[in-house]
Amino acid sequence: MSLGQQLNTLLAHETECLLQLLDILGQEHAALLAGDIDGIEHATAIKNEALASQAQVTESRQHLVSLSSFDNSEAGLQQLIAHCENSEQIGDAYARLNALALQCRAGNRTNGRLIMQRQEQARGALNVIRQTGSATPTYSGQGKTMAAQATRSLGKA
């Protein structure tokens, strides 16, 4: 198998990994929106497996590039692609891979923001229950804000 064919095969495998990751990120997003704890845990577990698999394939591609006479860098990879007999096909595969990587990054960031919002909501609810949060005002029966207590009294049981 030629170097170009090997590179094309690795890029195709990397693309499959990222497609799987993109699907998992969608599942994670749906679980986060639904508040499905089991779904979130499952999505997190398979996301970690998919990331490990993708990292392994990326490492294999980088190793292949380092075995060539080109630098193991983005520029070196571009030079290697240009020197392959099927450079147009490999270039297209690499462009698809980069586009998928950007989609995965955006999906992961979206899920991260959603997680942060959920954490803030939970923290706010806990602050109200604990009466410690000055950021979340409480109101009296007359509709006026109540002064936050500086200390909490502890009772004895």
C-alpha atoms as a PDB file:
ATOM      1  CA  MET A   1       0.000   0.000   0.000  1.00  0.00           C
ATOM      2  CA  SER A   2       1.403   3.388  -0.978  1.00  0.00           C
ATOM      3  CA  LEU A   3       1.907   6.255   1.443  1.00  0.00           C
ATOM      4  CA  GLY A   4      -0.999   8.143  -0.157  1.00  0.00           C
ATOM      5  CA  GLN A   5      -3.327   5.163   0.236  1.00  0.00           C
ATOM      6  CA  GLN A   6      -2.282   4.706   3.858  1.00  0.00           C
ATOM      7  CA  LEU A   7      -2.876   8.385   4.570  1.00  0.00           C
ATOM      8  CA  ASN A   8      -6.254   8.297   2.837  1.00  0.00           C
ATOM      9  CA  THR A   9      -7.273   5.231   4.875  1.00  0.00           C
ATOM     10  CA  LEU A  10      -6.262   6.902   8.143  1.00  0.00           C
ATOM     11  CA  LEU A  11      -8.135  10.095   7.227  1.00  0.00           C
ATOM     12  CA  ALA A  12     -11.233   8.034   6.411  1.00  0.00           C
ATOM     13  CA  HIS A  13     -10.991   6.290   9.773  1.00  0.00           C
ATOM     14  CA  GLU A  14     -10.537   9.621  11.555  1.00  0.00           C
ATOM     15  CA  THR A  15     -13.605  10.947   9.747  1.00  0.00           C
ATOM     16  CA  GLU A  16     -15.639   7.940  10.919  1.00  0.00           C
ATOM     17  CA  CYS A  17     -14.503   8.613  14.487  1.00  0.00           C
ATOM     18  CA  LEU A  18     -15.543  12.267  14.280  1.00  0.00           C
ATOM     19  CA  LEU A  19     -18.908  11.387  12.731  1.00  0.00           C
ATOM     20  CA  GLN A  20     -19.506   9.044  15.643  1.00  0.00           C
ATOM     21  CA  LEU A  21     -18.413  11.768  18.082  1.00  0.00           C
ATOM     22  CA  LEU A  22     -20.753  14.290  16.459  1.00  0.00           C
ATOM     23  CA  ASP A  23     -23.643  11.857  16.885  1.00  0.00           C
ATOM     24  CA  ILE A  24     -22.702  11.285  20.524  1.00  0.00           C
ATOM     25  CA  LEU A  25     -22.560  15.035  21.146  1.00  0.00           C
ATOM     26  CA  GLY A  26     -26.099  15.256  19.791  1.00  0.00           C
ATOM     27  CA  GLN A  27     -27.211  12.504  22.167  1.00  0.00           C
ATOM     28  CA  GLU A  28     -25.474  14.282  25.035  1.00  0.00           C
ATOM     29  CA  HIS A  29     -27.205  17.549  24.139  1.00  0.00           C
ATOM     30  CA  ALA A  30     -30.626  15.887  24.083  1.00  0.00           C
ATOM     31  CA  ALA A  31     -29.930  14.228  27.449  1.00  0.00           C
ATOM     32  CA  LEU A  32     -28.808  17.557  28.926  1.00  0.00           C
ATOM     33  CA  LEU A  33     -31.949  19.318  27.713  1.00  0.00           C
ATOM     34  CA  ALA A  34     -34.152  16.548  29.087  1.00  0.00           C
ATOM     35  CA  GLY A  35     -32.274  16.337  32.386  1.00  0.00           C
ATOM     36  CA  ASP A  36     -31.798  12.609  31.755  1.00  0.00           C
ATOM     37  CA  ILE A  37     -29.046  11.673  34.218  1.00  0.00           C
ATOM     38  CA  ASP A  38     -28.648   8.124  32.888  1.00  0.00           C
ATOM     39  CA  GLY A  39     -28.495   9.467  29.332  1.00  0.00           C
ATOM     40  CA  ILE A  40     -25.878  12.039  30.310  1.00  0.00           C
ATOM     41  CA  GLU A  41     -23.742   9.412  32.022  1.00  0.00           C
ATOM     42  CA  HIS A  42     -24.047   7.040  29.057  1.00  0.00           C
ATOM     43  CA  ALA A  43     -23.231   9.793  26.545  1.00  0.00           C
ATOM     44  CA  THR A  44     -20.223  10.865  28.609  1.00  0.00           C
ATOM     45  CA  ALA A  45     -18.886   7.317  28.767  1.00  0.00           C
ATOM     46  CA  ILE A  46     -19.207   6.671  25.033  1.00  0.00           C
ATOM     47  CA  LYS A  47     -17.913  10.176  24.251  1.00  0.00           C
ATOM     48  CA  ASN A  48     -14.740   9.417  26.212  1.00  0.00           C
ATOM     49  CA  GLU A  49     -14.336   6.138  24.310  1.00  0.00           C
ATOM     50  CA  ALA A  50     -14.856   7.897  20.972  1.00  0.00           C
ATOM     51  CA  LEU A  51     -12.325  10.586  21.893  1.00  0.00           C
ATOM     52  CA  ALA A  52      -9.756   7.952  22.844  1.00  0.00           C
ATOM     53  CA  SER A  53     -10.326   6.123  19.559  1.00  0.00           C
ATOM     54  CA  GLN A  54     -10.057   9.336  17.563  1.00  0.00           C
ATOM     55  CA  ALA A  55      -6.874  10.326  19.390  1.00  0.00           C
ATOM     56  CA  GLN A  56      -5.338   6.945  18.589  1.00  0.00           C
ATOM     57  CA  VAL A  57      -6.105   7.291  14.871  1.00  0.00           C
ATOM     58  CA  THR A  58      -4.784  10.866  14.853  1.00  0.00           C
ATOM     59  CA  GLU A  59      -1.592   9.629  16.484  1.00  0.00           C
ATOM     60  CA  SER A  60      -1.273   6.954  13.780  1.00  0.00           C
ATOM     61  CA  ARG A  61      -1.663   9.621  11.085  1.00  0.00           C
ATOM     62  CA  GLN A  62       0.943  11.825  12.755  1.00  0.00           C
ATOM     63  CA  HIS A  63       3.288   8.846  12.996  1.00  0.00           C
ATOM     64  CA  LEU A  64       2.834   8.170   9.278  1.00  0.00           C
ATOM     65  CA  VAL A  65       3.665  11.789   8.489  1.00  0.00           C
ATOM     66  CA  SER A  66       6.750  11.648  10.723  1.00  0.00           C
ATOM     67  CA  LEU A  67       7.966   8.565   8.812  1.00  0.00           C
ATOM     68  CA  SER A  68       7.863  10.556   5.585  1.00  0.00           C
ATOM     69  CA  SER A  69      10.468  13.126   4.696  1.00  0.00           C
ATOM     70  CA  PHE A  70       8.150  15.945   5.819  1.00  0.00           C
ATOM     71  CA  ASP A  71       7.736  17.669   9.178  1.00  0.00           C
ATOM     72  CA  ASN A  72       5.185  16.291  11.585  1.00  0.00           C
ATOM     73  CA  SER A  73       3.203  19.545  11.431  1.00  0.00           C
ATOM     74  CA  GLU A  74       0.245  21.012   9.574  1.00  0.00           C
ATOM     75  CA  ALA A  75       2.569  22.352   6.888  1.00  0.00           C
ATOM     76  CA  GLY A  76       4.348  19.003   6.633  1.00  0.00           C
ATOM     77  CA  LEU A  77       1.039  17.187   6.245  1.00  0.00           C
ATOM     78  CA  GLN A  78      -0.016  19.614   3.502  1.00  0.00           C
ATOM     79  CA  GLN A  79       3.299  19.020   1.708  1.00  0.00           C
ATOM     80  CA  LEU A  80       2.871  15.259   2.027  1.00  0.00           C
ATOM     81  CA  ILE A  81      -0.657  15.482   0.616  1.00  0.00           C
ATOM     82  CA  ALA A  82       0.618  17.533  -2.321  1.00  0.00           C
ATOM     83  CA  HIS A  83       3.241  14.880  -3.113  1.00  0.00           C
ATOM     84  CA  CYS A  84       0.827  11.936  -3.079  1.00  0.00           C
ATOM     85  CA  GLU A  85      -0.488  10.445  -6.322  1.00  0.00           C
ATOM     86  CA  ASN A  86      -4.075  10.876  -5.109  1.00  0.00           C
ATOM     87  CA  SER A  87      -3.509  14.330  -3.590  1.00  0.00           C
ATOM     88  CA  GLU A  88      -6.892  15.752  -4.639  1.00  0.00           C
ATOM     89  CA  GLN A  89      -8.780  12.900  -2.997  1.00  0.00           C
ATOM     90  CA  ILE A  90      -6.653  13.135   0.171  1.00  0.00           C
ATOM     91  CA  GLY A  91      -7.018  16.928   0.245  1.00  0.00           C
ATOM     92  CA  ASP A  92     -10.804  16.587   0.075  1.00  0.00           C
ATOM     93  CA  ALA A  93     -10.764  13.978   2.856  1.00  0.00           C
ATOM     94  CA  TYR A  94      -8.616  16.250   5.021  1.00  0.00           C
ATOM     95  CA  ALA A  95     -10.929  19.218   4.394  1.00  0.00           C
ATOM     96  CA  ARG A  96     -13.945  17.089   5.443  1.00  0.00           C
ATOM     97  CA  LEU A  97     -12.044  16.007   8.540  1.00  0.00           C
ATOM     98  CA  ASN A  98     -11.302  19.621   9.500  1.00  0.00           C
ATOM     99  CA  ALA A  99     -14.942  20.638   8.939  1.00  0.00           C
ATOM    100  CA  LEU A 100     -16.132  17.779  11.145  1.00  0.00           C
ATOM    101  CA  ALA A 101     -13.612  18.696  13.832  1.00  0.00           C
ATOM    102  CA  LEU A 102     -15.008  22.250  13.875  1.00  0.00           C
ATOM    103  CA  GLN A 103     -18.562  20.910  14.166  1.00  0.00           C
ATOM    104  CA  CYS A 104     -17.538  18.658  17.048  1.00  0.00           C
ATOM    105  CA  ARG A 105     -15.807  21.550  18.794  1.00  0.00           C
ATOM    106  CA  ALA A 106     -18.904  23.735  18.414  1.00  0.00           C
ATOM    107  CA  GLY A 107     -21.183  20.952  19.685  1.00  0.00           C
ATOM    108  CA  ASN A 108     -18.941  20.309  22.660  1.00  0.00           C
ATOM    109  CA  ARG A 109     -18.853  24.024  23.515  1.00  0.00           C
ATOM    110  CA  THR A 110     -22.632  24.228  23.264  1.00  0.00           C
ATOM    111  CA  ASN A 111     -22.976  21.272  25.619  1.00  0.00           C
ATOM    112  CA  GLY A 112     -20.426  22.833  27.965  1.00  0.00           C
ATOM    113  CA  ARG A 113     -22.389  26.082  28.090  1.00  0.00           C
ATOM    114  CA  LEU A 114     -25.573  24.130  28.787  1.00  0.00           C
ATOM    115  CA  ILE A 115     -23.848  22.278  31.626  1.00  0.00           C
ATOM    116  CA  MET A 116     -22.645  25.579  33.091  1.00  0.00           C
ATOM    117  CA  GLN A 117     -26.184  26.996  32.931  1.00  0.00           C
ATOM    118  CA  ARG A 118     -27.557  23.932  34.707  1.00  0.00           C
ATOM    119  CA  GLN A 119     -24.861  24.251  37.374  1.00  0.00           C
ATOM    120  CA  GLU A 120     -25.742  27.927  37.908  1.00  0.00           C
ATOM    121  CA  GLN A 121     -29.416  27.049  38.241  1.00  0.00           C
ATOM    122  CA  ALA A 122     -28.624  24.332  40.769  1.00  0.00           C
ATOM    123  CA  ARG A 123     -26.313  26.678  42.710  1.00  0.00           C
ATOM    124  CA  GLY A 124     -28.990  29.360  42.729  1.00  0.00           C
ATOM    125  CA  ALA A 125     -31.607  26.925  44.010  1.00  0.00           C
ATOM    126  CA  LEU A 126     -29.248  25.722  46.734  1.00  0.00           C
ATOM    127  CA  ASN A 127     -28.491  29.307  47.747  1.00  0.00           C
ATOM    128  CA  VAL A 128     -32.202  30.011  48.143  1.00  0.00           C
ATOM    129  CA  ILE A 129     -32.668  26.869  50.210  1.00  0.00           C
ATOM    130  CA  ARG A 130     -29.623  27.647  52.331  1.00  0.00           C
ATOM    131  CA  GLN A 131     -30.476  31.365  52.437  1.00  0.00           C
ATOM    132  CA  THR A 132     -26.873  32.204  51.585  1.00  0.00           C
ATOM    133  CA  GLY A 133     -27.134  33.680  48.137  1.00  0.00           C
ATOM    134  CA  SER A 134     -27.277  37.439  47.930  1.00  0.00           C
ATOM    135  CA  ALA A 135     -27.364  37.105  44.149  1.00  0.00           C
ATOM    136  CA  THR A 136     -30.855  35.576  44.264  1.00  0.00           C
ATOM    137  CA  PRO A 137     -33.199  37.984  46.061  1.00  0.00           C
ATOM    138  CA  THR A 138     -36.190  36.679  47.971  1.00  0.00           C
ATOM    139  CA  TYR A 139     -39.366  38.658  48.493  1.00  0.00           C
ATOM    140  CA  SER A 140     -41.680  39.069  51.428  1.00  0.00           C
ATOM    141  CA  GLY A 141     -45.434  38.658  51.257  1.00  0.00           C
ATOM    142  CA  GLN A 142     -45.709  42.406  50.575  1.00  0.00           C
ATOM    143  CA  GLY A 143     -43.520  42.107  47.472  1.00  0.00           C
ATOM    144  CA  LYS A 144     -40.512  43.816  49.021  1.00  0.00           C
ATOM    145  CA  THR A 145     -37.062  42.339  49.009  1.00  0.00           C
ATOM    146  CA  MET A 146     -35.968  40.898  52.286  1.00  0.00           C
ATOM    147  CA  ALA A 147     -32.589  41.752  53.735  1.00  0.00           C
ATOM    148  CA  ALA A 148     -30.202  38.835  53.521  1.00  0.00           C
ATOM    149  CA  GLN A 149     -29.075  37.544  56.859  1.00  0.00           C
ATOM    150  CA  ALA A 150     -25.369  37.903  57.466  1.00  0.00           C
ATOM    151  CA  THR A 151     -25.295  34.835  59.652  1.00  0.00           C
ATOM    152  CA  ARG A 152     -27.338  31.743  60.041  1.00  0.00           C
ATOM    153  CA  SER A 153     -28.520  30.618  63.386  1.00  0.00           C
ATOM    154  CA  LEU A 154     -27.828  27.028  64.184  1.00  0.00           C
ATOM    155  CA  GLY A 155     -30.273  25.116  66.270  1.00  0.00           C
ATOM    156  CA  LYS A 156     -29.551  22.291  68.664  1.00  0.00           C
ATOM    157  CA  ALA A 157     -31.215  18.976  68.277  1.00  0.00           C
END
